[in-house]
Amino acid sequence: MLGKRLVSFIAWCLFSVQSTGWAQVELPLNAWLLRVHQAARQSVYTGTFVVSAGGRLASARIWHVCDGSQQLERVESLSGTPRAIFRRNDQVVTFFPQSRMAVAEVRESLGVFPNLLKSNDSSIGNFYRLKVLGQERIAGFDADVVQLVPNDRLRYGYRVWNEKKTGLIIQLQTLDLDGKVLEQAAFSELQLNASVNVARLSKSGSTDGYRVLRPGLQKTSADAQGWMLQREIDGFTSMACYQRPATPAVTGATGNGQTTMQWMFSDGVATVSLFVEAYDRQRHASEGLTDMGGATHTQTRRINDWWVTVVGEVPPTTLSAFANALERKK
C-alpha cells in the first residue's frame, strides 16, 4: 500500500526535523514514500507481524530476501485457516495444506510506486501531506513516527512507524476521518539482516504434492467491456483492468463459467477495485454498504442485468462515489 524508495535528500529532511521541532515540520511526501518503498524491497528480514482490525487479531510469520534482482518472500499464517503465500517477484503461489491445493497466479505491479511518484502528473501531494510526529521504540528498534494526513474526506489517514536506519515500516495504523484507529499492523518480533537460507526459501515455493489451480486472467479495458465512469473521483487514477473467471473469493460465485471484470484505481496510497459481473438473483441480495471490519468496506449496486461490487480501504462515501459513477456505455 505504501511505496518506498530511497532518495538522497531524505537525510537532509530528517536533519531539518530534528533541528526545528517534530510536530511542526512536514516532509516531502514523495521522498518519504520512495524511501520506504526501497526499504521494503531491499531489506532482508524475518519476523512475526500481527494485524488487529474490527476487534479481530491475525498473525503471520514472514521471511523476505532480496537476492540480486529477485524478491523472495514467504508468509505463513499463524491463526485461522492454515495457509502460506510464496512470492518470487510477481509470481505468487498460495498454499492450502489441509486440502493440498495451491493457487498460482501473476500479480503484476500496477506501477503505483515508484513509477507513479516519478511521473510528471503525480498528484499524491495534492491529496496527502506528511507530518512528523516523533520517535518511538517498536519491536526493539528505534523508529521515526509520521502521519499521512489526507487533504479531503475521500481517503483515510495513516500513522506510520519506520525503522530509523533502513526506513522499513514496522508498524502502521489506518485512521478514520476523525483520526481514530481503524486497524493496526505491526511486527511483534523482527530480525533485520537476518540469516536466511535463500535456497531453502526458494524450495518452499515448490508445488510438488499439491493440485495447482491457475485462474485465468486476461488484460482488458473498461471501455472494451462496455463500462465507463461518468465522472472522475478526485485523485484516483485507473491502474489496470482484468477479466477473470468469477470465483467464490471475489463474488460468491459457484463456478458457473461466467467472468468478472475487475477495474482497479489508486491515488498512489489507497486502492479501490470495481468488480462487475452478471446479476444472479440467487446470489445477489440487497444493495448497499457492508463493513468488512477495520478499514475495509464493500458497496454493492445493481445496474440492470449487472451486479457491481466496489471494494477498498477507503471511507464508505468514496465507495459510493465509485458505485454511482459507474455506468454502461450507451
Protein backbone atom coordinates (compact mmCIF):
# COMPACT_ATOMS: atom_id res chain seq x y z
CA MET A 1 0.00 0.00 0.00
CA LEU A 2 2.70 2.43 0.96
CA GLY A 3 5.50 2.86 -1.53
CA LYS A 4 9.16 3.08 -0.58
CA ARG A 5 12.32 4.22 -2.35
CA LEU A 6 15.44 5.96 -1.05
CA VAL A 7 16.21 9.45 -2.27
CA SER A 8 19.36 11.30 -1.28
CA PHE A 9 17.76 14.33 0.31
CA ILE A 10 15.63 12.39 2.83
CA ALA A 11 18.53 12.52 5.30
CA TRP A 12 18.54 16.31 4.99
CA CYS A 13 14.80 16.34 5.65
CA LEU A 14 15.19 14.32 8.84
CA PHE A 15 18.07 16.52 9.98
CA SER A 16 15.90 19.58 9.48
CA VAL A 17 13.14 17.99 11.52
CA GLN A 18 15.42 17.40 14.46
CA SER A 19 16.61 20.99 14.31
CA THR A 20 13.20 22.68 14.18
CA GLY A 21 10.84 20.55 16.23
CA TRP A 22 8.95 17.39 15.32
CA ALA A 23 5.33 18.47 15.47
CA GLN A 24 5.67 21.49 13.21
CA VAL A 25 7.53 20.00 10.24
CA GLU A 26 6.16 18.43 7.09
CA LEU A 27 8.47 16.37 4.84
CA PRO A 28 8.29 15.99 1.05
CA LEU A 29 5.71 13.21 0.71
CA ASN A 30 7.08 11.61 -2.45
CA ALA A 31 10.56 11.43 -0.96
CA TRP A 32 9.29 9.60 2.09
CA LEU A 33 7.15 7.19 0.08
CA LEU A 34 10.04 6.35 -2.22
CA ARG A 35 12.34 5.74 0.72
CA VAL A 36 10.11 3.23 2.47
CA HIS A 37 9.33 1.54 -0.85
CA GLN A 38 13.00 0.85 -1.41
CA ALA A 39 13.43 -0.31 2.20
CA ALA A 40 10.74 -2.96 1.75
CA ARG A 41 12.34 -4.23 -1.46
CA GLN A 42 15.98 -4.27 -0.40
CA SER A 43 15.81 -5.30 3.24
CA VAL A 44 16.45 -8.89 4.33
CA TYR A 45 14.35 -9.75 7.35
CA THR A 46 12.26 -12.30 9.20
CA GLY A 47 9.58 -11.53 11.70
CA THR A 48 6.15 -12.06 13.16
CA PHE A 49 3.51 -9.47 12.49
CA VAL A 50 0.07 -9.03 13.96
CA VAL A 51 -2.94 -7.36 12.37
CA SER A 52 -5.77 -6.00 14.50
CA ALA A 53 -8.97 -4.98 12.72
CA GLY A 54 -12.63 -4.92 13.66
CA GLY A 55 -11.93 -6.47 17.06
CA ARG A 56 -10.13 -9.43 15.49
CA LEU A 57 -6.47 -10.41 15.60
CA ALA A 58 -4.48 -12.30 12.98
CA SER A 59 -0.79 -13.12 12.98
CA ALA A 60 1.70 -14.44 10.45
CA ARG A 61 5.38 -15.26 10.08
CA ILE A 62 7.30 -13.67 7.21
CA TRP A 63 10.65 -14.30 5.53
CA HIS A 64 11.86 -11.76 2.98
CA VAL A 65 15.05 -11.82 0.90
CA CYS A 66 16.39 -9.62 -1.87
CA ASP A 67 18.76 -11.78 -3.93
CA GLY A 68 20.06 -9.56 -6.70
CA SER A 69 17.05 -8.66 -8.82
CA GLN A 70 14.96 -11.43 -7.24
CA GLN A 71 12.44 -10.74 -4.50
CA LEU A 72 11.66 -13.88 -2.47
CA GLU A 73 9.07 -13.89 0.27
CA ARG A 74 7.12 -16.44 2.27
CA VAL A 75 4.26 -15.63 4.63
CA GLU A 76 2.74 -18.33 6.86
CA SER A 77 -0.48 -17.68 8.75
CA LEU A 78 -0.28 -18.42 12.47
CA SER A 79 -4.00 -18.01 13.09
CA GLY A 80 -7.15 -19.06 11.27
CA THR A 81 -7.10 -21.48 8.35
CA PRO A 82 -3.57 -22.80 7.66
CA ARG A 83 -2.22 -21.01 4.61
CA ALA A 84 1.14 -19.99 3.19
CA ILE A 85 1.93 -17.49 0.43
CA PHE A 86 5.15 -17.70 -1.56
CA ARG A 87 6.20 -14.87 -3.85
CA ARG A 88 9.02 -14.65 -6.37
CA ASN A 89 8.80 -11.18 -7.90
CA ASP A 90 5.30 -11.10 -9.43
CA GLN A 91 4.81 -14.89 -9.33
CA VAL A 92 2.62 -15.77 -6.33
CA VAL A 93 1.56 -19.20 -5.06
CA THR A 94 -0.93 -19.59 -2.21
CA PHE A 95 -0.77 -22.97 -0.47
CA PHE A 96 -3.68 -24.56 1.43
CA PRO A 97 -2.08 -27.53 3.27
CA GLN A 98 -5.32 -29.09 4.53
CA SER A 99 -6.79 -29.54 1.06
CA ARG A 100 -3.39 -29.94 -0.64
CA MET A 101 -4.38 -27.26 -3.12
CA ALA A 102 -2.32 -24.33 -4.41
CA VAL A 103 -3.36 -21.27 -6.41
CA ALA A 104 -0.66 -19.94 -8.76
CA GLU A 105 -1.08 -16.52 -10.30
CA VAL A 106 0.77 -13.49 -11.56
CA ARG A 107 0.25 -10.33 -9.57
CA GLU A 108 1.65 -7.59 -11.73
CA SER A 109 2.94 -4.41 -10.22
CA LEU A 110 0.49 -1.71 -11.19
CA GLY A 111 3.23 0.90 -11.30
CA VAL A 112 1.82 2.84 -8.37
CA PHE A 113 5.30 3.00 -6.80
CA PRO A 114 7.76 4.17 -7.71
CA ASN A 115 6.68 4.98 -11.27
CA LEU A 116 3.63 6.99 -10.28
CA LEU A 117 5.75 9.12 -7.97
CA LYS A 118 8.27 9.75 -10.74
CA SER A 119 5.70 10.76 -13.33
CA ASN A 120 5.17 14.42 -14.15
CA ASP A 121 1.45 14.17 -13.40
CA SER A 122 1.87 12.60 -9.95
CA SER A 123 -0.74 14.28 -7.77
CA ILE A 124 -0.28 12.40 -4.49
CA GLY A 125 0.87 15.58 -2.81
CA ASN A 126 -2.44 17.23 -3.69
CA PHE A 127 -4.34 14.75 -1.55
CA TYR A 128 -1.98 13.89 1.32
CA ARG A 129 0.61 15.69 3.38
CA LEU A 130 3.23 14.20 5.66
CA LYS A 131 3.56 15.33 9.26
CA VAL A 132 6.41 14.21 11.53
CA LEU A 133 5.25 13.16 15.00
CA GLY A 134 8.41 12.00 16.78
CA GLN A 135 10.30 8.85 17.61
CA GLU A 136 9.35 5.65 19.41
CA ARG A 137 10.77 2.20 20.01
CA ILE A 138 8.90 -0.67 18.34
CA ALA A 139 9.87 -4.38 18.46
CA GLY A 140 13.28 -3.40 19.80
CA PHE A 141 14.02 -0.85 17.04
CA ASP A 142 14.15 2.94 17.06
CA ALA A 143 11.51 4.24 14.67
CA ASP A 144 10.55 7.58 13.17
CA VAL A 145 6.83 8.24 13.52
CA VAL A 146 4.98 10.15 10.80
CA GLN A 147 1.37 10.70 9.87
CA LEU A 148 0.00 10.71 6.36
CA VAL A 149 -2.80 13.27 6.58
CA PRO A 150 -5.49 13.35 3.87
CA ASN A 151 -6.47 16.74 2.48
CA ASP A 152 -10.09 15.71 1.92
CA ARG A 153 -12.63 13.18 3.20
CA LEU A 154 -12.34 10.73 0.30
CA ARG A 155 -9.45 8.81 1.86
CA TYR A 156 -8.18 7.63 5.22
CA GLY A 157 -5.08 8.79 7.03
CA TYR A 158 -2.17 6.67 8.22
CA ARG A 159 0.20 6.75 11.17
CA VAL A 160 3.46 5.04 10.29
CA TRP A 161 6.48 3.86 12.26
CA ASN A 162 9.50 3.21 10.03
CA GLU A 163 12.79 1.82 11.29
CA LYS A 164 15.21 4.69 11.63
CA LYS A 165 18.21 3.29 9.74
CA THR A 166 16.57 1.38 6.89
CA GLY A 167 13.17 3.08 6.53
CA LEU A 168 11.35 -0.28 6.78
CA ILE A 169 7.79 0.12 8.04
CA ILE A 170 7.42 -1.81 11.30
CA GLN A 171 4.03 -0.54 12.43
CA LEU A 172 1.11 1.01 10.57
CA GLN A 173 -2.24 2.35 11.74
CA THR A 174 -5.13 3.26 9.46
CA LEU A 175 -7.07 6.25 10.78
CA ASP A 176 -10.69 7.14 10.12
CA LEU A 177 -11.91 10.60 9.18
CA ASP A 178 -11.86 11.65 12.84
CA GLY A 179 -8.35 10.33 13.45
CA LYS A 180 -9.41 7.20 15.34
CA VAL A 181 -7.56 3.93 14.71
CA LEU A 182 -9.49 1.59 12.42
CA GLU A 183 -6.83 -1.10 12.20
CA GLN A 184 -3.20 -1.73 13.02
CA ALA A 185 -0.47 -3.94 11.59
CA ALA A 186 2.80 -4.27 13.47
CA PHE A 187 5.82 -6.51 13.87
CA SER A 188 5.81 -8.08 17.33
CA GLU A 189 9.24 -9.54 16.59
CA LEU A 190 11.67 -8.58 13.83
CA GLN A 191 15.18 -9.54 12.73
CA LEU A 192 16.81 -7.21 10.22
CA ASN A 193 19.69 -8.53 8.11
CA ALA A 194 18.61 -11.99 9.20
CA SER A 195 20.49 -15.06 8.05
CA VAL A 196 18.00 -16.57 5.62
CA ASN A 197 18.81 -19.68 3.58
CA VAL A 198 17.88 -18.49 0.08
CA ALA A 199 17.93 -22.00 -1.42
CA ARG A 200 15.61 -23.36 1.27
CA LEU A 201 13.30 -20.38 0.98
CA SER A 202 13.16 -20.85 -2.79
CA LYS A 203 12.27 -24.53 -2.41
CA SER A 204 9.36 -23.60 -0.17
CA GLY A 205 7.62 -22.41 -3.33
CA SER A 206 7.54 -25.92 -4.81
CA THR A 207 4.04 -27.21 -5.60
CA ASP A 208 5.02 -30.90 -5.53
CA GLY A 209 2.17 -32.87 -3.95
CA TYR A 210 -0.36 -30.08 -4.50
CA ARG A 211 -3.16 -29.76 -7.00
CA VAL A 212 -2.43 -26.45 -8.68
CA LEU A 213 -5.14 -24.08 -9.83
CA ARG A 214 -4.23 -21.34 -12.29
CA PRO A 215 -7.05 -18.80 -12.50
CA GLY A 216 -7.41 -17.34 -15.97
CA LEU A 217 -6.66 -13.63 -16.04
CA GLN A 218 -6.84 -11.50 -19.16
CA LYS A 219 -5.89 -7.87 -19.52
CA THR A 220 -8.65 -5.74 -20.92
CA SER A 221 -10.07 -2.25 -20.55
CA ALA A 222 -13.31 -0.97 -19.10
CA ASP A 223 -14.04 0.65 -22.44
CA ALA A 224 -13.67 -2.69 -24.25
CA GLN A 225 -16.02 -4.26 -21.72
CA GLY A 226 -18.58 -1.50 -22.23
CA TRP A 227 -18.14 0.47 -19.00
CA MET A 228 -17.15 3.98 -18.05
CA LEU A 229 -17.13 6.41 -15.12
CA GLN A 230 -19.42 9.34 -15.82
CA ARG A 231 -17.24 11.44 -13.51
CA GLU A 232 -13.76 11.06 -12.03
CA ILE A 233 -13.18 10.53 -8.33
CA ASP A 234 -10.65 13.13 -7.18
CA GLY A 235 -7.13 11.74 -7.01
CA PHE A 236 -7.91 8.19 -8.13
CA THR A 237 -6.34 7.03 -11.37
CA SER A 238 -7.26 3.93 -13.38
CA MET A 239 -4.35 1.50 -12.98
CA ALA A 240 -5.46 -1.73 -14.67
CA CYS A 241 -8.45 -3.74 -15.79
CA TYR A 242 -8.76 -7.54 -15.97
CA GLN A 243 -11.30 -10.13 -16.93
CA ARG A 244 -11.25 -13.20 -14.72
CA PRO A 245 -13.41 -16.24 -14.02
CA ALA A 246 -15.92 -15.47 -11.28
CA THR A 247 -14.66 -17.03 -8.06
CA PRO A 248 -16.12 -17.50 -4.57
CA ALA A 249 -13.34 -15.38 -3.07
CA VAL A 250 -14.46 -12.35 -5.02
CA THR A 251 -18.11 -12.70 -5.83
CA GLY A 252 -19.54 -15.76 -4.13
CA ALA A 253 -19.89 -17.47 -7.49
CA THR A 254 -20.35 -21.22 -7.77
CA GLY A 255 -18.30 -21.91 -10.85
CA ASN A 256 -20.93 -21.19 -13.49
CA GLY A 257 -18.38 -20.27 -16.15
CA GLN A 258 -19.17 -16.56 -16.13
CA THR A 259 -16.48 -13.91 -15.90
CA THR A 260 -15.92 -10.91 -13.69
CA MET A 261 -14.35 -7.62 -14.71
CA GLN A 262 -12.01 -6.09 -12.14
CA TRP A 263 -11.20 -2.41 -12.65
CA MET A 264 -8.55 -1.04 -10.27
CA PHE A 265 -7.90 2.52 -9.18
CA SER A 266 -5.32 4.14 -6.91
CA ASP A 267 -4.47 7.57 -5.59
CA GLY A 268 -0.90 6.39 -5.02
CA VAL A 269 -1.62 5.21 -1.48
CA ALA A 270 -5.16 3.82 -1.27
CA THR A 271 -6.67 1.42 -3.81
CA VAL A 272 -10.23 0.70 -4.92
CA SER A 273 -11.44 -2.22 -7.06
CA LEU A 274 -14.67 -2.39 -9.03
CA PHE A 275 -15.96 -5.91 -9.77
CA VAL A 276 -18.67 -6.22 -12.41
CA GLU A 277 -20.48 -9.49 -13.17
CA ALA A 278 -23.82 -10.72 -14.48
CA TYR A 279 -26.65 -10.30 -11.98
CA ASP A 280 -27.85 -13.52 -10.31
CA ARG A 281 -30.87 -13.14 -8.03
CA GLN A 282 -29.96 -16.30 -6.10
CA ARG A 283 -26.53 -14.99 -5.12
CA HIS A 284 -27.00 -11.25 -5.11
CA ALA A 285 -29.13 -9.96 -2.29
CA SER A 286 -29.84 -6.39 -1.32
CA GLU A 287 -27.73 -3.48 -2.48
CA GLY A 288 -25.78 -1.38 -0.01
CA LEU A 289 -22.73 -1.00 2.16
CA THR A 290 -21.01 -3.80 4.09
CA ASP A 291 -18.41 -3.20 6.79
CA MET A 292 -15.76 -5.90 6.43
CA GLY A 293 -14.09 -4.90 9.69
CA GLY A 294 -11.35 -2.38 10.20
CA ALA A 295 -10.77 -0.10 7.22
CA THR A 296 -12.23 -2.35 4.50
CA HIS A 297 -15.74 -1.83 3.15
CA THR A 298 -17.74 -3.05 0.18
CA GLN A 299 -20.51 -1.30 -1.69
CA THR A 300 -22.86 -3.25 -3.95
CA ARG A 301 -25.21 -1.96 -6.62
CA ARG A 302 -27.35 -3.47 -9.34
CA ILE A 303 -27.19 -1.86 -12.78
CA ASN A 304 -29.87 -3.51 -14.94
CA ASP A 305 -28.51 -7.01 -15.67
CA TRP A 306 -25.21 -6.39 -13.90
CA TRP A 307 -24.02 -6.61 -10.31
CA VAL A 308 -21.32 -4.20 -9.15
CA THR A 309 -19.17 -4.69 -6.04
CA VAL A 310 -16.79 -1.91 -5.02
CA VAL A 311 -14.08 -2.83 -2.50
CA GLY A 312 -11.45 -0.67 -0.86
CA GLU A 313 -9.80 0.59 2.31
CA VAL A 314 -11.40 3.99 1.90
CA PRO A 315 -14.37 5.78 3.51
CA PRO A 316 -17.82 4.46 2.53
CA THR A 317 -18.62 7.74 0.77
CA THR A 318 -15.73 7.08 -1.63
CA LEU A 319 -17.03 3.62 -2.49
CA SER A 320 -20.49 5.10 -3.06
CA ALA A 321 -18.99 7.72 -5.36
CA PHE A 322 -17.41 4.99 -7.49
CA ALA A 323 -20.55 2.84 -7.50
CA ASN A 324 -22.77 5.75 -8.51
CA ALA A 325 -20.35 6.99 -11.19
CA LEU A 326 -20.09 3.65 -12.98
CA GLU A 327 -22.39 3.33 -15.95
CA ARG A 328 -22.92 1.17 -19.01
CA LYS A 329 -21.79 2.81 -22.23
CA LYS A 330 -24.61 3.83 -24.50
